[in-house]
Amino acid sequence: MLFKKKLIISFLLIQLILLSNCFSFNSVKLLDLPPKGIELTEHLISGTERDKILIISIDGVISDHGSSDGFGFSSKESMVARIKEELSKASLDSDVKGLILKINSPGGGVTPSDIIYKEIKSFKETKRIPVVALFMDTAASGGYYVAMSADKIVAHPTTVTGSIGVVIAGINIRKGLEKIGVEDQSIVSGENKTILSPLQEMRPDQKEIIQSIVNDMYERFLGIVSENRSHIPKEKLRKLADGRIYTASQAEKEKLIDKIGYSRDAIDLIKSLPSYNRNPASINNDPKIITYSLNKKPIKNIYQIDEKVIQEKSALQMILNHLDRDRETLFMYLWTY
């Protein structure tokens, strides 16, 4: 009898453990509920008056993935999700009179770059405030693409910019694997399903397929620049947009940027634009320069995979996901070598 009781108790404990694990996993499904509390905190950099100029940072490779450390163990919000959240907060603040995009990026994914560009463009048109891009060390490729949402561009004297173009990286290791007796046994539904596979030689017609996609995305990039830097003749722009990079002085000469300067010059420029609607009560025209930082709660919007999903995975699964992400084939607006 005692043995049976112990067996029943053990069985119940196992069921409780399994049930708790189920609740832990299934709780992820409940994260569609709107978050409670403030997620972004405003920080004052300088200024005394009621008006505010918000600085949004675009730093590093532009991606819609959450960032992680070298081992894939920690995760932060994606750049796309963070910028969306900051724009949403700023849209509700009537004291925000201008936006500075502080860009220090070699570019990144085609789609994330386009999403950020579109979100900022929509924000600017809805809120009707000026936007100035401030280039730091690097504002190339996708970084330059995003800057096309701004009314004006200021670059530091030592900025590297340009690199207008598209790249998709690929290598072929088939011959090397053959030497050690490794063969590809992939089974596909069509002859182009494994296009760009590093295990197969690419045929000329397959190269044409990929090149056509690159060309199409390049034309979109070129069209965005042409629309927003309309003072550059299209024929000249196409020559400038051959993937090369430019110093700040070269970019200013070719009218790819508007001015060489520093952060104070960007602030002064934004205040001089017609769409800068200063508060009539302002006396010294010394607006608050502000930034936002993420509070303890994670961002949850359309562009963000919730961090809890990552946190509840095993360490091994996170490593595998991290490695698998690096194997993705992506079309990039990226300055690379």
C-alpha atoms as a PDB file:
ATOM      1  CA  MET A   1       0.000   0.000   0.000  1.00  0.00           C
ATOM      2  CA  LEU A   2       2.802   2.404   0.938  1.00  0.00           C
ATOM      3  CA  PHE A   3       4.539   1.640  -2.322  1.00  0.00           C
ATOM      4  CA  LYS A   4       1.366   2.442  -4.252  1.00  0.00           C
ATOM      5  CA  LYS A   5       0.965   5.782  -2.438  1.00  0.00           C
ATOM      6  CA  LYS A   6       4.562   6.713  -3.234  1.00  0.00           C
ATOM      7  CA  LEU A   7       4.007   5.713  -6.850  1.00  0.00           C
ATOM      8  CA  ILE A   8       0.845   7.857  -7.068  1.00  0.00           C
ATOM      9  CA  ILE A   9       2.594  10.837  -5.448  1.00  0.00           C
ATOM     10  CA  SER A  10       5.560  10.485  -7.821  1.00  0.00           C
ATOM     11  CA  PHE A  11       3.190  10.306 -10.774  1.00  0.00           C
ATOM     12  CA  LEU A  12       1.367  13.450  -9.620  1.00  0.00           C
ATOM     13  CA  LEU A  13       4.651  15.320  -9.146  1.00  0.00           C
ATOM     14  CA  ILE A  14       5.741  14.402 -12.656  1.00  0.00           C
ATOM     15  CA  GLN A  15       2.415  15.591 -14.024  1.00  0.00           C
ATOM     16  CA  LEU A  16       2.765  18.908 -12.152  1.00  0.00           C
ATOM     17  CA  ILE A  17       6.268  19.425 -13.546  1.00  0.00           C
ATOM     18  CA  LEU A  18       5.098  18.688 -17.073  1.00  0.00           C
ATOM     19  CA  LEU A  19       2.079  20.942 -16.603  1.00  0.00           C
ATOM     20  CA  SER A  20       4.240  23.808 -15.327  1.00  0.00           C
ATOM     21  CA  ASN A  21       6.508  23.434 -18.351  1.00  0.00           C
ATOM     22  CA  CYS A  22       3.481  23.553 -20.602  1.00  0.00           C
ATOM     23  CA  PHE A  23       2.314  26.757 -18.961  1.00  0.00           C
ATOM     24  CA  SER A  24       5.809  28.188 -19.303  1.00  0.00           C
ATOM     25  CA  PHE A  25       5.857  27.455 -23.019  1.00  0.00           C
ATOM     26  CA  ASN A  26       2.247  28.384 -23.669  1.00  0.00           C
ATOM     27  CA  SER A  27       2.697  31.696 -21.869  1.00  0.00           C
ATOM     28  CA  VAL A  28       4.574  32.853 -24.914  1.00  0.00           C
ATOM     29  CA  LYS A  29       1.317  32.715 -26.849  1.00  0.00           C
ATOM     30  CA  LEU A  30      -0.247  35.229 -24.475  1.00  0.00           C
ATOM     31  CA  LEU A  31       2.280  37.969 -25.311  1.00  0.00           C
ATOM     32  CA  ASP A  32      -0.016  39.504 -27.884  1.00  0.00           C
ATOM     33  CA  LEU A  33      -1.652  41.408 -25.036  1.00  0.00           C
ATOM     34  CA  PRO A  34      -0.682  45.097 -24.937  1.00  0.00           C
ATOM     35  CA  PRO A  35       2.235  45.802 -22.567  1.00  0.00           C
ATOM     36  CA  LYS A  36       1.570  47.604 -19.313  1.00  0.00           C
ATOM     37  CA  GLY A  37       3.613  50.582 -18.118  1.00  0.00           C
ATOM     38  CA  ILE A  38       6.038  52.885 -19.856  1.00  0.00           C
ATOM     39  CA  GLU A  39       8.634  51.138 -21.985  1.00  0.00           C
ATOM     40  CA  LEU A  40      10.727  54.140 -23.056  1.00  0.00           C
ATOM     41  CA  THR A  41      12.254  56.720 -20.737  1.00  0.00           C
ATOM     42  CA  GLU A  42      13.091  60.244 -21.893  1.00  0.00           C
ATOM     43  CA  HIS A  43      16.544  61.607 -21.119  1.00  0.00           C
ATOM     44  CA  LEU A  44      17.574  65.260 -21.287  1.00  0.00           C
ATOM     45  CA  ILE A  45      20.923  66.015 -22.937  1.00  0.00           C
ATOM     46  CA  SER A  46      20.744  69.805 -22.928  1.00  0.00           C
ATOM     47  CA  GLY A  47      18.348  72.722 -23.321  1.00  0.00           C
ATOM     48  CA  THR A  48      15.949  74.604 -21.077  1.00  0.00           C
ATOM     49  CA  GLU A  49      12.816  75.437 -23.039  1.00  0.00           C
ATOM     50  CA  ARG A  50       9.652  73.449 -23.576  1.00  0.00           C
ATOM     51  CA  ASP A  51      10.355  72.507 -27.205  1.00  0.00           C
ATOM     52  CA  LYS A  52      12.194  69.233 -27.808  1.00  0.00           C
ATOM     53  CA  ILE A  53      14.445  67.880 -30.533  1.00  0.00           C
ATOM     54  CA  LEU A  54      14.641  64.094 -30.392  1.00  0.00           C
ATOM     55  CA  ILE A  55      17.811  62.217 -31.363  1.00  0.00           C
ATOM     56  CA  ILE A  56      17.334  58.675 -32.651  1.00  0.00           C
ATOM     57  CA  SER A  57      20.447  56.578 -33.070  1.00  0.00           C
ATOM     58  CA  ILE A  58      20.979  54.230 -36.011  1.00  0.00           C
ATOM     59  CA  ASP A  59      24.166  52.526 -34.936  1.00  0.00           C
ATOM     60  CA  GLY A  60      25.652  49.368 -36.450  1.00  0.00           C
ATOM     61  CA  VAL A  61      24.368  46.978 -39.086  1.00  0.00           C
ATOM     62  CA  ILE A  62      20.712  47.614 -39.898  1.00  0.00           C
ATOM     63  CA  SER A  63      18.715  44.496 -39.110  1.00  0.00           C
ATOM     64  CA  ASP A  64      15.330  43.336 -37.884  1.00  0.00           C
ATOM     65  CA  HIS A  65      16.984  40.695 -35.698  1.00  0.00           C
ATOM     66  CA  GLY A  66      17.551  41.227 -32.001  1.00  0.00           C
ATOM     67  CA  SER A  67      21.237  41.724 -31.276  1.00  0.00           C
ATOM     68  CA  SER A  68      23.179  39.144 -29.278  1.00  0.00           C
ATOM     69  CA  ASP A  69      26.617  38.610 -27.819  1.00  0.00           C
ATOM     70  CA  GLY A  70      29.211  36.418 -29.480  1.00  0.00           C
ATOM     71  CA  PHE A  71      27.713  33.251 -27.986  1.00  0.00           C
ATOM     72  CA  GLY A  72      24.069  34.063 -28.678  1.00  0.00           C
ATOM     73  CA  PHE A  73      23.137  34.076 -24.986  1.00  0.00           C
ATOM     74  CA  SER A  74      21.820  37.624 -24.607  1.00  0.00           C
ATOM     75  CA  SER A  75      19.292  39.386 -26.761  1.00  0.00           C
ATOM     76  CA  LYS A  76      18.132  42.962 -27.214  1.00  0.00           C
ATOM     77  CA  GLU A  77      15.398  44.522 -29.262  1.00  0.00           C
ATOM     78  CA  SER A  78      15.916  44.792 -33.012  1.00  0.00           C
ATOM     79  CA  MET A  79      16.850  48.163 -34.457  1.00  0.00           C
ATOM     80  CA  VAL A  80      13.666  48.246 -36.533  1.00  0.00           C
ATOM     81  CA  ALA A  81      11.467  47.534 -33.499  1.00  0.00           C
ATOM     82  CA  ARG A  82      13.248  50.103 -31.332  1.00  0.00           C
ATOM     83  CA  ILE A  83      12.980  52.884 -33.905  1.00  0.00           C
ATOM     84  CA  LYS A  84       9.304  52.114 -34.456  1.00  0.00           C
ATOM     85  CA  GLU A  85       8.731  52.376 -30.695  1.00  0.00           C
ATOM     86  CA  GLU A  86      10.643  55.660 -30.391  1.00  0.00           C
ATOM     87  CA  LEU A  87       8.717  57.202 -33.275  1.00  0.00           C
ATOM     88  CA  SER A  88       5.446  56.089 -31.702  1.00  0.00           C
ATOM     89  CA  LYS A  89       6.348  57.761 -28.406  1.00  0.00           C
ATOM     90  CA  ALA A  90       7.486  60.960 -30.147  1.00  0.00           C
ATOM     91  CA  SER A  91       4.280  61.121 -32.195  1.00  0.00           C
ATOM     92  CA  LEU A  92       2.291  61.492 -28.960  1.00  0.00           C
ATOM     93  CA  ASP A  93       4.467  64.318 -27.616  1.00  0.00           C
ATOM     94  CA  SER A  94       3.353  67.701 -28.973  1.00  0.00           C
ATOM     95  CA  ASP A  95       6.559  69.286 -27.654  1.00  0.00           C
ATOM     96  CA  VAL A  96       8.752  67.293 -30.047  1.00  0.00           C
ATOM     97  CA  LYS A  97       9.485  69.831 -32.791  1.00  0.00           C
ATOM     98  CA  GLY A  98      12.257  68.087 -34.690  1.00  0.00           C
ATOM     99  CA  LEU A  99      14.104  64.811 -35.187  1.00  0.00           C
ATOM    100  CA  ILE A 100      17.810  64.144 -35.680  1.00  0.00           C
ATOM    101  CA  LEU A 101      18.846  60.758 -37.078  1.00  0.00           C
ATOM    102  CA  LYS A 102      22.340  60.074 -35.753  1.00  0.00           C
ATOM    103  CA  ILE A 103      23.615  57.512 -38.243  1.00  0.00           C
ATOM    104  CA  ASN A 104      26.744  55.440 -37.792  1.00  0.00           C
ATOM    105  CA  SER A 105      26.126  52.400 -39.961  1.00  0.00           C
ATOM    106  CA  PRO A 106      27.623  50.565 -42.955  1.00  0.00           C
ATOM    107  CA  GLY A 107      24.068  49.625 -43.947  1.00  0.00           C
ATOM    108  CA  GLY A 108      22.393  46.267 -43.656  1.00  0.00           C
ATOM    109  CA  GLY A 109      19.419  44.299 -44.877  1.00  0.00           C
ATOM    110  CA  VAL A 110      17.397  45.602 -47.811  1.00  0.00           C
ATOM    111  CA  THR A 111      14.042  45.187 -46.087  1.00  0.00           C
ATOM    112  CA  PRO A 112      15.011  46.566 -42.636  1.00  0.00           C
ATOM    113  CA  SER A 113      16.583  49.619 -44.308  1.00  0.00           C
ATOM    114  CA  ASP A 114      13.425  50.197 -46.332  1.00  0.00           C
ATOM    115  CA  ILE A 115      11.155  49.742 -43.296  1.00  0.00           C
ATOM    116  CA  ILE A 116      13.086  52.309 -41.233  1.00  0.00           C
ATOM    117  CA  TYR A 117      13.080  54.726 -44.164  1.00  0.00           C
ATOM    118  CA  LYS A 118       9.316  54.334 -44.580  1.00  0.00           C
ATOM    119  CA  GLU A 119       8.558  54.637 -40.853  1.00  0.00           C
ATOM    120  CA  ILE A 120      10.551  57.860 -40.526  1.00  0.00           C
ATOM    121  CA  LYS A 121       9.072  59.272 -43.717  1.00  0.00           C
ATOM    122  CA  SER A 122       5.527  58.557 -42.488  1.00  0.00           C
ATOM    123  CA  PHE A 123       6.322  60.013 -39.058  1.00  0.00           C
ATOM    124  CA  LYS A 124       7.674  63.208 -40.601  1.00  0.00           C
ATOM    125  CA  GLU A 125       4.682  63.677 -42.884  1.00  0.00           C
ATOM    126  CA  THR A 126       2.143  62.947 -40.146  1.00  0.00           C
ATOM    127  CA  LYS A 127       3.736  65.053 -37.415  1.00  0.00           C
ATOM    128  CA  ARG A 128       4.916  67.739 -39.854  1.00  0.00           C
ATOM    129  CA  ILE A 129       8.259  68.356 -38.218  1.00  0.00           C
ATOM    130  CA  PRO A 130      11.731  68.613 -39.785  1.00  0.00           C
ATOM    131  CA  VAL A 131      14.163  65.697 -39.852  1.00  0.00           C
ATOM    132  CA  VAL A 132      17.936  66.090 -40.188  1.00  0.00           C
ATOM    133  CA  ALA A 133      20.367  63.206 -40.628  1.00  0.00           C
ATOM    134  CA  LEU A 134      23.698  63.535 -38.832  1.00  0.00           C
ATOM    135  CA  PHE A 135      26.395  61.244 -40.242  1.00  0.00           C
ATOM    136  CA  MET A 136      29.071  59.992 -37.844  1.00  0.00           C
ATOM    137  CA  ASP A 137      31.985  57.700 -38.834  1.00  0.00           C
ATOM    138  CA  THR A 138      30.069  55.802 -41.506  1.00  0.00           C
ATOM    139  CA  ALA A 139      26.730  56.281 -43.215  1.00  0.00           C
ATOM    140  CA  ALA A 140      26.974  53.978 -46.187  1.00  0.00           C
ATOM    141  CA  SER A 141      24.615  51.930 -48.328  1.00  0.00           C
ATOM    142  CA  GLY A 142      21.543  51.157 -46.158  1.00  0.00           C
ATOM    143  CA  GLY A 143      22.656  53.904 -43.767  1.00  0.00           C
ATOM    144  CA  TYR A 144      22.497  56.360 -46.646  1.00  0.00           C
ATOM    145  CA  TYR A 145      19.186  54.839 -47.781  1.00  0.00           C
ATOM    146  CA  VAL A 146      17.625  55.544 -44.367  1.00  0.00           C
ATOM    147  CA  ALA A 147      18.970  59.125 -44.491  1.00  0.00           C
ATOM    148  CA  MET A 148      16.835  59.769 -47.559  1.00  0.00           C
ATOM    149  CA  SER A 149      13.904  60.187 -45.158  1.00  0.00           C
ATOM    150  CA  ALA A 150      15.521  63.374 -43.817  1.00  0.00           C
ATOM    151  CA  ASP A 151      15.030  66.924 -45.085  1.00  0.00           C
ATOM    152  CA  LYS A 152      18.744  67.701 -44.813  1.00  0.00           C
ATOM    153  CA  ILE A 153      21.979  65.801 -44.241  1.00  0.00           C
ATOM    154  CA  VAL A 154      24.922  66.959 -42.126  1.00  0.00           C
ATOM    155  CA  ALA A 155      28.113  64.879 -42.168  1.00  0.00           C
ATOM    156  CA  HIS A 156      31.095  65.032 -39.863  1.00  0.00           C
ATOM    157  CA  PRO A 157      34.298  66.100 -41.642  1.00  0.00           C
ATOM    158  CA  THR A 158      35.646  62.536 -41.327  1.00  0.00           C
ATOM    159  CA  THR A 159      32.478  60.696 -42.413  1.00  0.00           C
ATOM    160  CA  VAL A 160      32.575  57.959 -45.049  1.00  0.00           C
ATOM    161  CA  THR A 161      29.325  57.697 -46.996  1.00  0.00           C
ATOM    162  CA  GLY A 162      27.878  56.555 -50.306  1.00  0.00           C
ATOM    163  CA  SER A 163      28.196  52.894 -51.331  1.00  0.00           C
ATOM    164  CA  ILE A 164      24.861  53.115 -53.110  1.00  0.00           C
ATOM    165  CA  GLY A 165      24.219  49.603 -54.320  1.00  0.00           C
ATOM    166  CA  VAL A 166      23.198  46.029 -53.529  1.00  0.00           C
ATOM    167  CA  VAL A 167      25.232  42.951 -52.657  1.00  0.00           C
ATOM    168  CA  ILE A 168      24.419  39.318 -51.984  1.00  0.00           C
ATOM    169  CA  ALA A 169      27.377  37.366 -50.689  1.00  0.00           C
ATOM    170  CA  GLY A 170      28.087  33.829 -51.789  1.00  0.00           C
ATOM    171  CA  ILE A 171      30.913  31.313 -51.968  1.00  0.00           C
ATOM    172  CA  ASN A 172      31.286  27.900 -53.572  1.00  0.00           C
ATOM    173  CA  ILE A 173      33.029  25.112 -51.671  1.00  0.00           C
ATOM    174  CA  ARG A 174      32.015  22.164 -53.851  1.00  0.00           C
ATOM    175  CA  LYS A 175      35.495  21.395 -55.211  1.00  0.00           C
ATOM    176  CA  GLY A 176      37.033  21.572 -51.765  1.00  0.00           C
ATOM    177  CA  LEU A 177      34.465  19.153 -50.345  1.00  0.00           C
ATOM    178  CA  GLU A 178      34.952  16.742 -53.234  1.00  0.00           C
ATOM    179  CA  LYS A 179      38.638  16.422 -52.275  1.00  0.00           C
ATOM    180  CA  ILE A 180      37.659  15.075 -48.870  1.00  0.00           C
ATOM    181  CA  GLY A 181      34.860  12.889 -50.190  1.00  0.00           C
ATOM    182  CA  VAL A 182      31.838  14.986 -49.277  1.00  0.00           C
ATOM    183  CA  GLU A 183      28.961  15.045 -51.772  1.00  0.00           C
ATOM    184  CA  ASP A 184      25.727  17.053 -51.878  1.00  0.00           C
ATOM    185  CA  GLN A 185      22.604  14.873 -51.696  1.00  0.00           C
ATOM    186  CA  SER A 186      19.959  17.599 -51.635  1.00  0.00           C
ATOM    187  CA  ILE A 187      16.572  16.671 -53.101  1.00  0.00           C
ATOM    188  CA  VAL A 188      14.754  19.605 -54.679  1.00  0.00           C
ATOM    189  CA  SER A 189      11.428  20.318 -56.353  1.00  0.00           C
ATOM    190  CA  GLY A 190      12.950  22.406 -59.131  1.00  0.00           C
ATOM    191  CA  GLU A 191      16.340  23.018 -60.727  1.00  0.00           C
ATOM    192  CA  ASN A 192      16.621  26.498 -59.193  1.00  0.00           C
ATOM    193  CA  LYS A 193      15.546  25.613 -55.663  1.00  0.00           C
ATOM    194  CA  THR A 194      19.159  25.426 -54.449  1.00  0.00           C
ATOM    195  CA  ILE A 195      20.332  28.473 -56.346  1.00  0.00           C
ATOM    196  CA  LEU A 196      23.273  30.114 -54.502  1.00  0.00           C
ATOM    197  CA  SER A 197      24.012  26.875 -52.652  1.00  0.00           C
ATOM    198  CA  PRO A 198      27.720  26.752 -51.719  1.00  0.00           C
ATOM    199  CA  LEU A 199      27.647  23.042 -52.600  1.00  0.00           C
ATOM    200  CA  GLN A 200      26.819  23.486 -56.287  1.00  0.00           C
ATOM    201  CA  GLU A 201      28.231  25.400 -59.235  1.00  0.00           C
ATOM    202  CA  MET A 202      25.960  28.193 -60.386  1.00  0.00           C
ATOM    203  CA  ARG A 203      24.927  27.982 -64.017  1.00  0.00           C
ATOM    204  CA  PRO A 204      24.999  31.094 -66.246  1.00  0.00           C
ATOM    205  CA  ASP A 205      21.191  31.236 -66.376  1.00  0.00           C
ATOM    206  CA  GLN A 206      21.060  31.095 -62.565  1.00  0.00           C
ATOM    207  CA  LYS A 207      23.516  33.987 -62.328  1.00  0.00           C
ATOM    208  CA  GLU A 208      21.164  35.944 -64.571  1.00  0.00           C
ATOM    209  CA  ILE A 209      18.276  35.253 -62.178  1.00  0.00           C
ATOM    210  CA  ILE A 210      20.206  36.571 -59.168  1.00  0.00           C
ATOM    211  CA  GLN A 211      21.609  39.499 -61.114  1.00  0.00           C
ATOM    212  CA  SER A 212      18.097  40.501 -62.187  1.00  0.00           C
ATOM    213  CA  ILE A 213      17.008  40.620 -58.529  1.00  0.00           C
ATOM    214  CA  VAL A 214      20.068  42.646 -57.537  1.00  0.00           C
ATOM    215  CA  ASN A 215      19.395  45.032 -60.423  1.00  0.00           C
ATOM    216  CA  ASP A 216      15.761  45.442 -59.415  1.00  0.00           C
ATOM    217  CA  MET A 217      16.681  46.261 -55.823  1.00  0.00           C
ATOM    218  CA  TYR A 218      19.403  48.616 -57.030  1.00  0.00           C
ATOM    219  CA  GLU A 219      16.886  50.505 -59.171  1.00  0.00           C
ATOM    220  CA  ARG A 220      14.678  50.910 -56.109  1.00  0.00           C
ATOM    221  CA  PHE A 221      17.624  52.307 -54.130  1.00  0.00           C
ATOM    222  CA  LEU A 222      18.450  54.644 -56.994  1.00  0.00           C
ATOM    223  CA  GLY A 223      14.823  55.768 -57.217  1.00  0.00           C
ATOM    224  CA  ILE A 224      14.690  56.558 -53.480  1.00  0.00           C
ATOM    225  CA  VAL A 225      17.851  58.666 -53.735  1.00  0.00           C
ATOM    226  CA  SER A 226      16.628  60.379 -56.903  1.00  0.00           C
ATOM    227  CA  GLU A 227      13.295  61.230 -55.269  1.00  0.00           C
ATOM    228  CA  ASN A 228      14.881  62.741 -52.191  1.00  0.00           C
ATOM    229  CA  ARG A 229      17.990  64.305 -53.774  1.00  0.00           C
ATOM    230  CA  SER A 230      16.131  65.632 -56.784  1.00  0.00           C
ATOM    231  CA  HIS A 231      18.703  68.383 -57.358  1.00  0.00           C
ATOM    232  CA  ILE A 232      21.117  65.717 -58.657  1.00  0.00           C
ATOM    233  CA  PRO A 233      20.467  64.948 -62.348  1.00  0.00           C
ATOM    234  CA  LYS A 234      19.498  61.298 -62.833  1.00  0.00           C
ATOM    235  CA  GLU A 235      22.285  60.661 -65.337  1.00  0.00           C
ATOM    236  CA  LYS A 236      24.878  61.988 -62.904  1.00  0.00           C
ATOM    237  CA  LEU A 237      23.350  60.125 -59.966  1.00  0.00           C
ATOM    238  CA  ARG A 238      23.645  56.790 -61.760  1.00  0.00           C
ATOM    239  CA  LYS A 239      27.367  57.427 -62.266  1.00  0.00           C
ATOM    240  CA  LEU A 240      27.786  58.358 -58.607  1.00  0.00           C
ATOM    241  CA  ALA A 241      25.842  55.286 -57.488  1.00  0.00           C
ATOM    242  CA  ASP A 242      28.266  52.616 -58.660  1.00  0.00           C
ATOM    243  CA  GLY A 243      28.928  51.317 -55.153  1.00  0.00           C
ATOM    244  CA  ARG A 244      31.877  53.561 -54.376  1.00  0.00           C
ATOM    245  CA  ILE A 245      32.305  55.378 -51.065  1.00  0.00           C
ATOM    246  CA  TYR A 246      32.906  59.096 -50.578  1.00  0.00           C
ATOM    247  CA  THR A 247      34.499  61.312 -47.967  1.00  0.00           C
ATOM    248  CA  ALA A 248      32.350  64.080 -46.509  1.00  0.00           C
ATOM    249  CA  SER A 249      33.977  66.722 -48.701  1.00  0.00           C
ATOM    250  CA  GLN A 250      33.524  64.570 -51.830  1.00  0.00           C
ATOM    251  CA  ALA A 251      29.896  63.891 -50.921  1.00  0.00           C
ATOM    252  CA  GLU A 252      29.237  67.592 -50.367  1.00  0.00           C
ATOM    253  CA  LYS A 253      30.786  68.426 -53.726  1.00  0.00           C
ATOM    254  CA  GLU A 254      28.553  65.854 -55.457  1.00  0.00           C
ATOM    255  CA  LYS A 255      25.521  67.102 -53.413  1.00  0.00           C
ATOM    256  CA  LEU A 256      24.986  63.733 -51.779  1.00  0.00           C
ATOM    257  CA  ILE A 257      24.936  65.638 -48.471  1.00  0.00           C
ATOM    258  CA  ASP A 258      23.993  69.232 -47.646  1.00  0.00           C
ATOM    259  CA  LYS A 259      26.589  70.326 -45.132  1.00  0.00           C
ATOM    260  CA  ILE A 260      29.742  69.338 -43.272  1.00  0.00           C
ATOM    261  CA  GLY A 261      29.540  69.974 -39.553  1.00  0.00           C
ATOM    262  CA  TYR A 262      28.949  68.669 -36.058  1.00  0.00           C
ATOM    263  CA  SER A 263      25.985  67.983 -33.801  1.00  0.00           C
ATOM    264  CA  ARG A 264      25.493  71.666 -32.985  1.00  0.00           C
ATOM    265  CA  ASP A 265      25.344  72.433 -36.713  1.00  0.00           C
ATOM    266  CA  ALA A 266      22.638  69.779 -37.125  1.00  0.00           C
ATOM    267  CA  ILE A 267      20.629  71.333 -34.284  1.00  0.00           C
ATOM    268  CA  ASP A 268      20.991  74.835 -35.711  1.00  0.00           C
ATOM    269  CA  LEU A 269      20.031  73.565 -39.161  1.00  0.00           C
ATOM    270  CA  ILE A 270      16.874  71.858 -37.903  1.00  0.00           C
ATOM    271  CA  LYS A 271      15.796  75.052 -36.125  1.00  0.00           C
ATOM    272  CA  SER A 272      16.263  77.039 -39.335  1.00  0.00           C
ATOM    273  CA  LEU A 273      13.980  74.843 -41.447  1.00  0.00           C
ATOM    274  CA  PRO A 274      10.489  76.195 -42.283  1.00  0.00           C
ATOM    275  CA  SER A 275       8.761  73.154 -40.781  1.00  0.00           C
ATOM    276  CA  TYR A 276      10.313  73.824 -37.368  1.00  0.00           C
ATOM    277  CA  ASN A 277       7.318  75.209 -35.499  1.00  0.00           C
ATOM    278  CA  ARG A 278       8.779  76.624 -32.308  1.00  0.00           C
ATOM    279  CA  ASN A 279       6.645  77.322 -29.259  1.00  0.00           C
ATOM    280  CA  PRO A 280       5.529  80.982 -29.196  1.00  0.00           C
ATOM    281  CA  ALA A 281       6.447  81.088 -25.500  1.00  0.00           C
ATOM    282  CA  SER A 282      10.090  80.259 -26.284  1.00  0.00           C
ATOM    283  CA  ILE A 283      12.456  83.079 -25.344  1.00  0.00           C
ATOM    284  CA  ASN A 284      16.025  81.995 -26.056  1.00  0.00           C
ATOM    285  CA  ASN A 285      15.148  79.298 -28.587  1.00  0.00           C
ATOM    286  CA  ASP A 286      17.061  76.748 -26.528  1.00  0.00           C
ATOM    287  CA  PRO A 287      15.040  73.545 -27.095  1.00  0.00           C
ATOM    288  CA  LYS A 288      15.595  70.444 -25.035  1.00  0.00           C
ATOM    289  CA  ILE A 289      17.753  67.890 -26.822  1.00  0.00           C
ATOM    290  CA  ILE A 290      16.434  64.490 -25.782  1.00  0.00           C
ATOM    291  CA  THR A 291      16.851  60.773 -26.367  1.00  0.00           C
ATOM    292  CA  TYR A 292      14.848  57.735 -25.331  1.00  0.00           C
ATOM    293  CA  SER A 293      16.106  54.598 -23.649  1.00  0.00           C
ATOM    294  CA  LEU A 294      14.374  51.285 -23.135  1.00  0.00           C
ATOM    295  CA  ASN A 295      12.978  50.649 -19.694  1.00  0.00           C
ATOM    296  CA  LYS A 296      12.941  47.187 -18.121  1.00  0.00           C
ATOM    297  CA  LYS A 297       9.989  45.982 -20.159  1.00  0.00           C
ATOM    298  CA  PRO A 298      10.838  44.560 -23.613  1.00  0.00           C
ATOM    299  CA  ILE A 299       9.494  46.168 -26.759  1.00  0.00           C
ATOM    300  CA  LYS A 300       6.492  44.452 -28.300  1.00  0.00           C
ATOM    301  CA  ASN A 301       5.425  45.686 -31.715  1.00  0.00           C
ATOM    302  CA  ILE A 302       5.010  44.291 -35.209  1.00  0.00           C
ATOM    303  CA  TYR A 303       8.759  44.326 -35.848  1.00  0.00           C
ATOM    304  CA  GLN A 304       9.905  42.635 -32.621  1.00  0.00           C
ATOM    305  CA  ILE A 305      10.010  38.964 -31.667  1.00  0.00           C
ATOM    306  CA  ASP A 306       9.471  38.966 -27.923  1.00  0.00           C
ATOM    307  CA  GLU A 307      12.573  38.320 -25.841  1.00  0.00           C
ATOM    308  CA  LYS A 308      10.787  35.761 -23.639  1.00  0.00           C
ATOM    309  CA  VAL A 309      10.730  33.373 -26.565  1.00  0.00           C
ATOM    310  CA  ILE A 310      14.517  33.504 -26.602  1.00  0.00           C
ATOM    311  CA  GLN A 311      14.923  33.420 -22.840  1.00  0.00           C
ATOM    312  CA  GLU A 312      12.900  30.232 -22.438  1.00  0.00           C
ATOM    313  CA  LYS A 313      14.937  28.288 -24.988  1.00  0.00           C
ATOM    314  CA  SER A 314      17.820  26.073 -23.944  1.00  0.00           C
ATOM    315  CA  ALA A 315      21.393  27.327 -24.240  1.00  0.00           C
ATOM    316  CA  LEU A 316      22.033  24.760 -26.987  1.00  0.00           C
ATOM    317  CA  GLN A 317      19.013  25.921 -28.976  1.00  0.00           C
ATOM    318  CA  MET A 318      20.160  29.565 -28.725  1.00  0.00           C
ATOM    319  CA  ILE A 319      23.598  28.624 -30.035  1.00  0.00           C
ATOM    320  CA  LEU A 320      22.066  26.689 -32.923  1.00  0.00           C
ATOM    321  CA  ASN A 321      19.749  29.594 -33.763  1.00  0.00           C
ATOM    322  CA  HIS A 322      22.671  32.029 -33.647  1.00  0.00           C
ATOM    323  CA  LEU A 323      24.723  29.867 -36.016  1.00  0.00           C
ATOM    324  CA  ASP A 324      21.760  29.277 -38.308  1.00  0.00           C
ATOM    325  CA  ARG A 325      21.090  33.034 -38.543  1.00  0.00           C
ATOM    326  CA  ASP A 326      24.638  33.608 -39.789  1.00  0.00           C
ATOM    327  CA  ARG A 327      23.950  31.151 -42.621  1.00  0.00           C
ATOM    328  CA  GLU A 328      21.066  33.176 -44.016  1.00  0.00           C
ATOM    329  CA  THR A 329      21.280  34.357 -47.603  1.00  0.00           C
ATOM    330  CA  LEU A 330      20.330  38.024 -47.659  1.00  0.00           C
ATOM    331  CA  PHE A 331      20.211  40.801 -50.179  1.00  0.00           C
ATOM    332  CA  MET A 332      21.998  43.693 -48.514  1.00  0.00           C
ATOM    333  CA  TYR A 333      22.320  47.442 -48.807  1.00  0.00           C
ATOM    334  CA  LEU A 334      25.713  47.082 -47.141  1.00  0.00           C
ATOM    335  CA  TRP A 335      29.219  48.451 -47.516  1.00  0.00           C
ATOM    336  CA  THR A 336      31.420  45.390 -47.089  1.00  0.00           C
ATOM    337  CA  TYR A 337      34.549  43.760 -48.426  1.00  0.00           C
END
